[in-house]
Amino acid sequence: KGKTDSIFAPEDALKRSEAARLILRVIGKEETDENIQKLIADQGNEEITREEFIHLLMTGYLWGHKTYEITLHETPFPDFSESDELYREEILGAYKLGLILGDENSLLHPKKNLTRAEACAALYKLLGK
């Protein structure tokens, strides 16, 4: 779904609530205020960073699955150490599941705001899980 019926705006940043709504649609959960709050946990509605989106993505993934595997000492991105420790296991899990990839230089840019296009790419991959 675009910003309007005729505008998608792929390079625009995504807000937390928009990300939560998209994830809920993909995993087949109702877009209720309660479910949105479960995902964003009262973190406000600012633009979402890549690492924060991965956290929401993996939370949504776990609603439909019991577990996922990670390789603890794997660092799939040269800038992995720039990510918040809170999100590192989820980043590894999303990578292992094939939900995220780095840019053309294999960088994640975890603190950078996520674009609508990047969200769609990850959500499309989540649809196949």
N, C-alpha and C. Protein backbone atom coordinates (compact mmCIF):
# COMPACT_ATOMS: atom_id res chain seq x y z
N LYS A 1 0.86 -1.17 0.00
CA LYS A 1 0.00 0.00 0.00
C LYS A 1 0.91 1.24 0.00
N GLY A 2 0.57 2.20 -0.82
CA GLY A 2 1.36 3.42 -0.92
C GLY A 2 0.94 4.46 0.09
N LYS A 3 1.56 5.62 -0.01
CA LYS A 3 1.21 6.74 0.87
C LYS A 3 -0.20 7.23 0.53
N THR A 4 -0.53 7.17 -0.76
CA THR A 4 -1.89 7.45 -1.23
C THR A 4 -2.20 6.38 -2.27
N ASP A 5 -3.37 6.46 -2.89
CA ASP A 5 -3.72 5.49 -3.92
C ASP A 5 -2.82 5.58 -5.15
N SER A 6 -2.20 6.75 -5.37
CA SER A 6 -1.38 6.91 -6.57
C SER A 6 0.10 7.21 -6.29
N ILE A 7 0.50 7.27 -5.02
CA ILE A 7 1.90 7.60 -4.68
C ILE A 7 2.46 6.53 -3.75
N PHE A 8 3.59 5.93 -4.18
CA PHE A 8 4.26 4.94 -3.33
C PHE A 8 5.40 5.56 -2.54
N ALA A 9 6.17 6.46 -3.14
CA ALA A 9 7.28 7.16 -2.49
C ALA A 9 8.31 6.19 -1.91
N PRO A 10 8.96 5.37 -2.75
CA PRO A 10 9.86 4.33 -2.25
C PRO A 10 11.06 4.82 -1.46
N GLU A 11 11.51 6.04 -1.73
CA GLU A 11 12.70 6.55 -1.03
C GLU A 11 12.35 7.29 0.26
N ASP A 12 11.07 7.46 0.56
CA ASP A 12 10.67 8.11 1.80
C ASP A 12 10.96 7.20 2.99
N ALA A 13 11.26 7.81 4.12
CA ALA A 13 11.47 7.05 5.35
C ALA A 13 10.13 6.54 5.87
N LEU A 14 10.20 5.47 6.63
CA LEU A 14 9.01 4.83 7.19
C LEU A 14 8.90 5.18 8.67
N LYS A 15 7.71 5.44 9.14
CA LYS A 15 7.47 5.68 10.57
C LYS A 15 7.23 4.34 11.27
N ARG A 16 7.43 4.31 12.58
CA ARG A 16 7.26 3.06 13.33
C ARG A 16 5.87 2.46 13.16
N SER A 17 4.82 3.29 13.26
CA SER A 17 3.47 2.75 13.15
C SER A 17 3.21 2.22 11.74
N GLU A 18 3.77 2.87 10.72
CA GLU A 18 3.62 2.37 9.35
C GLU A 18 4.30 1.01 9.21
N ALA A 19 5.49 0.89 9.78
CA ALA A 19 6.22 -0.38 9.74
C ALA A 19 5.42 -1.47 10.44
N ALA A 20 4.86 -1.15 11.60
CA ALA A 20 4.08 -2.14 12.34
C ALA A 20 2.86 -2.58 11.53
N ARG A 21 2.17 -1.65 10.91
CA ARG A 21 1.00 -2.00 10.09
C ARG A 21 1.38 -2.92 8.93
N LEU A 22 2.48 -2.62 8.27
CA LEU A 22 2.93 -3.45 7.15
C LEU A 22 3.26 -4.86 7.61
N ILE A 23 3.97 -4.97 8.72
CA ILE A 23 4.34 -6.28 9.25
C ILE A 23 3.09 -7.06 9.63
N LEU A 24 2.14 -6.41 10.29
CA LEU A 24 0.90 -7.09 10.68
C LEU A 24 0.15 -7.61 9.46
N ARG A 25 0.11 -6.84 8.38
CA ARG A 25 -0.55 -7.30 7.15
C ARG A 25 0.13 -8.54 6.60
N VAL A 26 1.45 -8.52 6.57
CA VAL A 26 2.20 -9.64 6.00
C VAL A 26 2.03 -10.92 6.82
N ILE A 27 2.00 -10.80 8.13
CA ILE A 27 1.89 -12.01 8.96
C ILE A 27 0.44 -12.40 9.22
N GLY A 28 -0.51 -11.63 8.68
CA GLY A 28 -1.92 -11.99 8.78
C GLY A 28 -2.58 -11.68 10.11
N LYS A 29 -2.03 -10.73 10.83
CA LYS A 29 -2.63 -10.30 12.10
C LYS A 29 -3.45 -9.03 11.88
N GLU A 30 -4.44 -8.83 12.71
CA GLU A 30 -5.27 -7.63 12.61
C GLU A 30 -4.46 -6.38 12.94
N GLU A 31 -4.78 -5.30 12.24
CA GLU A 31 -4.09 -4.02 12.47
C GLU A 31 -4.79 -3.25 13.58
N THR A 32 -4.84 -3.84 14.75
CA THR A 32 -5.47 -3.17 15.88
C THR A 32 -4.45 -2.31 16.60
N ASP A 33 -4.93 -1.33 17.35
CA ASP A 33 -4.02 -0.51 18.15
C ASP A 33 -3.22 -1.37 19.11
N GLU A 34 -3.86 -2.40 19.65
CA GLU A 34 -3.18 -3.29 20.60
C GLU A 34 -2.01 -4.02 19.92
N ASN A 35 -2.24 -4.56 18.74
CA ASN A 35 -1.17 -5.27 18.03
C ASN A 35 -0.05 -4.32 17.60
N ILE A 36 -0.42 -3.12 17.19
CA ILE A 36 0.59 -2.13 16.81
C ILE A 36 1.45 -1.79 18.02
N GLN A 37 0.82 -1.58 19.17
CA GLN A 37 1.57 -1.27 20.38
C GLN A 37 2.46 -2.43 20.83
N LYS A 38 1.99 -3.67 20.62
CA LYS A 38 2.83 -4.82 20.96
C LYS A 38 4.12 -4.79 20.16
N LEU A 39 4.02 -4.36 18.91
CA LEU A 39 5.21 -4.30 18.07
C LEU A 39 6.11 -3.11 18.39
N ILE A 40 5.51 -1.92 18.52
CA ILE A 40 6.37 -0.74 18.69
C ILE A 40 6.65 -0.40 20.15
N ALA A 41 5.94 -1.03 21.08
CA ALA A 41 6.22 -0.91 22.51
C ALA A 41 6.39 0.53 22.99
N ASP A 42 5.46 1.37 22.62
CA ASP A 42 5.45 2.78 23.07
C ASP A 42 6.75 3.51 22.77
N GLN A 43 7.37 3.22 21.65
CA GLN A 43 8.61 3.89 21.28
C GLN A 43 8.36 5.14 20.46
N GLY A 44 7.12 5.56 20.36
CA GLY A 44 6.81 6.76 19.58
C GLY A 44 6.60 6.43 18.12
N ASN A 45 6.39 7.46 17.33
CA ASN A 45 6.10 7.26 15.91
C ASN A 45 7.09 8.00 15.03
N GLU A 46 8.33 8.05 15.45
CA GLU A 46 9.36 8.68 14.64
C GLU A 46 9.71 7.78 13.47
N GLU A 47 10.57 8.28 12.59
CA GLU A 47 11.07 7.45 11.51
C GLU A 47 11.86 6.30 12.11
N ILE A 48 11.74 5.14 11.51
CA ILE A 48 12.35 3.93 12.06
C ILE A 48 13.70 3.66 11.41
N THR A 49 14.66 3.25 12.22
CA THR A 49 15.98 2.91 11.69
C THR A 49 15.94 1.47 11.18
N ARG A 50 16.97 1.11 10.45
CA ARG A 50 17.05 -0.25 9.91
C ARG A 50 17.09 -1.28 11.03
N GLU A 51 17.87 -1.03 12.09
CA GLU A 51 17.96 -2.01 13.17
C GLU A 51 16.64 -2.11 13.94
N GLU A 52 15.94 -1.00 14.10
CA GLU A 52 14.65 -1.04 14.78
C GLU A 52 13.63 -1.81 13.94
N PHE A 53 13.67 -1.62 12.62
CA PHE A 53 12.76 -2.35 11.74
C PHE A 53 13.03 -3.84 11.82
N ILE A 54 14.30 -4.21 11.85
CA ILE A 54 14.64 -5.64 11.95
C ILE A 54 14.08 -6.21 13.25
N HIS A 55 14.13 -5.45 14.32
CA HIS A 55 13.54 -5.89 15.59
C HIS A 55 12.04 -6.15 15.41
N LEU A 56 11.32 -5.23 14.79
CA LEU A 56 9.88 -5.42 14.56
C LEU A 56 9.64 -6.60 13.63
N LEU A 57 10.44 -6.70 12.58
CA LEU A 57 10.31 -7.77 11.61
C LEU A 57 10.45 -9.14 12.29
N MET A 58 11.45 -9.27 13.13
CA MET A 58 11.69 -10.55 13.80
C MET A 58 10.65 -10.83 14.88
N THR A 59 10.14 -9.78 15.53
CA THR A 59 9.04 -9.97 16.48
C THR A 59 7.82 -10.50 15.73
N GLY A 60 7.52 -9.91 14.59
CA GLY A 60 6.42 -10.39 13.77
C GLY A 60 6.65 -11.81 13.29
N TYR A 61 7.88 -12.11 12.89
CA TYR A 61 8.22 -13.47 12.45
C TYR A 61 7.93 -14.48 13.56
N LEU A 62 8.30 -14.14 14.78
CA LEU A 62 8.10 -15.06 15.90
C LEU A 62 6.63 -15.26 16.25
N TRP A 63 5.77 -14.33 15.89
CA TRP A 63 4.33 -14.54 16.12
C TRP A 63 3.80 -15.71 15.31
N GLY A 64 4.45 -16.00 14.19
CA GLY A 64 4.00 -17.09 13.34
C GLY A 64 4.90 -18.32 13.40
N HIS A 65 6.04 -18.20 14.03
CA HIS A 65 7.01 -19.28 14.12
C HIS A 65 7.48 -19.37 15.57
N LYS A 66 8.01 -20.49 15.92
CA LYS A 66 8.47 -20.67 17.31
C LYS A 66 9.87 -20.10 17.53
N THR A 67 10.75 -20.31 16.59
CA THR A 67 12.15 -19.93 16.79
C THR A 67 12.82 -19.57 15.46
N TYR A 68 14.04 -19.13 15.56
CA TYR A 68 14.92 -18.98 14.41
C TYR A 68 16.34 -19.24 14.89
N GLU A 69 17.21 -19.56 13.96
CA GLU A 69 18.59 -19.87 14.31
C GLU A 69 19.50 -18.69 14.02
N ILE A 70 20.56 -18.59 14.80
CA ILE A 70 21.59 -17.59 14.54
C ILE A 70 22.96 -18.24 14.71
N THR A 71 23.96 -17.62 14.13
CA THR A 71 25.34 -18.00 14.36
C THR A 71 25.97 -16.84 15.11
N LEU A 72 26.22 -17.04 16.39
CA LEU A 72 26.63 -15.94 17.26
C LEU A 72 27.89 -15.22 16.84
N HIS A 73 28.85 -15.92 16.33
CA HIS A 73 30.12 -15.27 16.02
C HIS A 73 30.22 -14.84 14.56
N GLU A 74 29.11 -14.95 13.86
CA GLU A 74 29.07 -14.52 12.47
C GLU A 74 28.84 -13.01 12.43
N THR A 75 29.58 -12.32 11.62
CA THR A 75 29.35 -10.89 11.43
C THR A 75 29.15 -10.67 9.93
N PRO A 76 27.91 -10.76 9.47
CA PRO A 76 27.63 -10.72 8.04
C PRO A 76 27.84 -9.35 7.40
N PHE A 77 27.95 -8.32 8.21
CA PHE A 77 28.10 -6.96 7.70
C PHE A 77 29.34 -6.32 8.32
N PRO A 78 30.17 -5.66 7.53
CA PRO A 78 31.36 -5.01 8.09
C PRO A 78 31.02 -3.97 9.17
N ASP A 79 29.82 -3.37 9.10
CA ASP A 79 29.42 -2.37 10.09
C ASP A 79 28.51 -2.94 11.18
N PHE A 80 28.53 -4.26 11.35
CA PHE A 80 27.69 -4.93 12.35
C PHE A 80 27.94 -4.37 13.75
N SER A 81 29.18 -4.04 14.07
CA SER A 81 29.52 -3.53 15.41
C SER A 81 28.88 -2.17 15.69
N GLU A 82 28.41 -1.48 14.66
CA GLU A 82 27.73 -0.19 14.86
C GLU A 82 26.29 -0.37 15.33
N SER A 83 25.77 -1.58 15.24
CA SER A 83 24.39 -1.84 15.67
C SER A 83 24.32 -1.91 17.19
N ASP A 84 23.18 -1.58 17.73
CA ASP A 84 22.95 -1.66 19.17
C ASP A 84 22.96 -3.13 19.57
N GLU A 85 23.61 -3.43 20.67
CA GLU A 85 23.67 -4.82 21.15
C GLU A 85 22.29 -5.43 21.31
N LEU A 86 21.31 -4.62 21.66
CA LEU A 86 19.94 -5.08 21.84
C LEU A 86 19.39 -5.75 20.59
N TYR A 87 19.85 -5.32 19.42
CA TYR A 87 19.30 -5.81 18.15
C TYR A 87 20.18 -6.83 17.45
N ARG A 88 21.34 -7.13 17.94
CA ARG A 88 22.30 -7.93 17.20
C ARG A 88 21.83 -9.36 16.92
N GLU A 89 21.22 -10.02 17.89
CA GLU A 89 20.73 -11.38 17.64
C GLU A 89 19.63 -11.37 16.58
N GLU A 90 18.77 -10.36 16.61
CA GLU A 90 17.70 -10.28 15.62
C GLU A 90 18.27 -9.97 14.23
N ILE A 91 19.31 -9.16 14.16
CA ILE A 91 19.96 -8.89 12.88
C ILE A 91 20.54 -10.19 12.33
N LEU A 92 21.21 -10.96 13.18
CA LEU A 92 21.76 -12.24 12.74
C LEU A 92 20.66 -13.20 12.30
N GLY A 93 19.56 -13.22 13.03
CA GLY A 93 18.44 -14.09 12.67
C GLY A 93 17.82 -13.70 11.34
N ALA A 94 17.61 -12.40 11.14
CA ALA A 94 17.03 -11.92 9.88
C ALA A 94 17.96 -12.22 8.71
N TYR A 95 19.26 -12.09 8.94
CA TYR A 95 20.24 -12.40 7.91
C TYR A 95 20.21 -13.89 7.58
N LYS A 96 20.21 -14.71 8.61
CA LYS A 96 20.22 -16.17 8.42
C LYS A 96 18.97 -16.64 7.69
N LEU A 97 17.83 -15.98 7.95
CA LEU A 97 16.57 -16.32 7.27
C LEU A 97 16.51 -15.75 5.85
N GLY A 98 17.46 -14.90 5.50
CA GLY A 98 17.46 -14.30 4.18
C GLY A 98 16.52 -13.12 4.04
N LEU A 99 16.11 -12.53 5.17
CA LEU A 99 15.18 -11.40 5.13
C LEU A 99 15.88 -10.08 4.84
N ILE A 100 17.16 -9.99 5.16
CA ILE A 100 17.91 -8.75 4.94
C ILE A 100 19.23 -9.06 4.26
N LEU A 101 19.68 -8.10 3.51
CA LEU A 101 20.98 -8.14 2.86
C LEU A 101 21.63 -6.78 3.07
N GLY A 102 22.88 -6.71 2.86
CA GLY A 102 23.55 -5.41 2.93
C GLY A 102 23.39 -4.67 1.61
N ASP A 103 23.97 -3.49 1.55
CA ASP A 103 23.97 -2.72 0.31
C ASP A 103 25.02 -3.30 -0.64
N GLU A 104 25.35 -2.58 -1.70
CA GLU A 104 26.33 -3.09 -2.68
C GLU A 104 27.72 -3.30 -2.08
N ASN A 105 27.98 -2.72 -0.92
CA ASN A 105 29.25 -2.91 -0.21
C ASN A 105 29.11 -3.84 0.99
N SER A 106 27.98 -4.55 1.06
CA SER A 106 27.67 -5.47 2.16
C SER A 106 27.49 -4.76 3.49
N LEU A 107 27.18 -3.47 3.48
CA LEU A 107 26.97 -2.71 4.71
C LEU A 107 25.49 -2.69 5.07
N LEU A 108 25.20 -2.73 6.36
CA LEU A 108 23.83 -2.70 6.86
C LEU A 108 23.36 -1.27 7.14
N HIS A 109 24.24 -0.41 7.58
CA HIS A 109 23.87 0.95 8.00
C HIS A 109 22.74 0.89 9.04
N PRO A 110 22.99 0.25 10.19
CA PRO A 110 21.92 -0.01 11.16
C PRO A 110 21.23 1.23 11.73
N LYS A 111 21.94 2.34 11.80
CA LYS A 111 21.35 3.56 12.39
C LYS A 111 20.64 4.44 11.37
N LYS A 112 20.77 4.09 10.10
CA LYS A 112 20.15 4.87 9.03
C LYS A 112 18.65 4.60 8.99
N ASN A 113 17.86 5.62 8.66
CA ASN A 113 16.42 5.42 8.54
C ASN A 113 16.11 4.48 7.38
N LEU A 114 15.14 3.64 7.60
CA LEU A 114 14.70 2.67 6.61
C LEU A 114 13.80 3.35 5.59
N THR A 115 13.95 3.01 4.32
CA THR A 115 13.05 3.54 3.30
C THR A 115 11.89 2.58 3.09
N ARG A 116 10.85 3.08 2.46
CA ARG A 116 9.69 2.25 2.14
C ARG A 116 10.09 1.10 1.22
N ALA A 117 10.98 1.37 0.26
CA ALA A 117 11.43 0.33 -0.66
C ALA A 117 12.18 -0.77 0.08
N GLU A 118 13.04 -0.40 1.02
CA GLU A 118 13.79 -1.39 1.79
C GLU A 118 12.84 -2.24 2.64
N ALA A 119 11.83 -1.61 3.22
CA ALA A 119 10.84 -2.34 4.01
C ALA A 119 10.11 -3.35 3.12
N CYS A 120 9.72 -2.92 1.93
CA CYS A 120 9.01 -3.81 1.02
C CYS A 120 9.85 -5.01 0.64
N ALA A 121 11.13 -4.81 0.41
CA ALA A 121 12.01 -5.93 0.05
C ALA A 121 12.05 -6.97 1.17
N ALA A 122 12.21 -6.53 2.40
CA ALA A 122 12.25 -7.45 3.54
C ALA A 122 10.90 -8.12 3.77
N LEU A 123 9.83 -7.36 3.63
CA LEU A 123 8.48 -7.92 3.84
C LEU A 123 8.14 -8.96 2.77
N TYR A 124 8.57 -8.71 1.55
CA TYR A 124 8.33 -9.66 0.46
C TYR A 124 9.02 -10.99 0.79
N LYS A 125 10.22 -10.91 1.33
CA LYS A 125 10.95 -12.11 1.72
C LYS A 125 10.26 -12.80 2.89
N LEU A 126 9.71 -12.01 3.82
CA LEU A 126 8.99 -12.59 4.96
C LEU A 126 7.75 -13.36 4.50
N LEU A 127 7.11 -12.89 3.42
CA LEU A 127 5.92 -13.58 2.90
C LEU A 127 6.21 -15.03 2.55
N GLY A 128 7.44 -15.31 2.14
CA GLY A 128 7.81 -16.67 1.76
C GLY A 128 8.21 -17.57 2.91
N LYS A 129 8.16 -17.07 4.13
CA LYS A 129 8.60 -17.86 5.29
C LYS A 129 7.43 -18.52 5.99
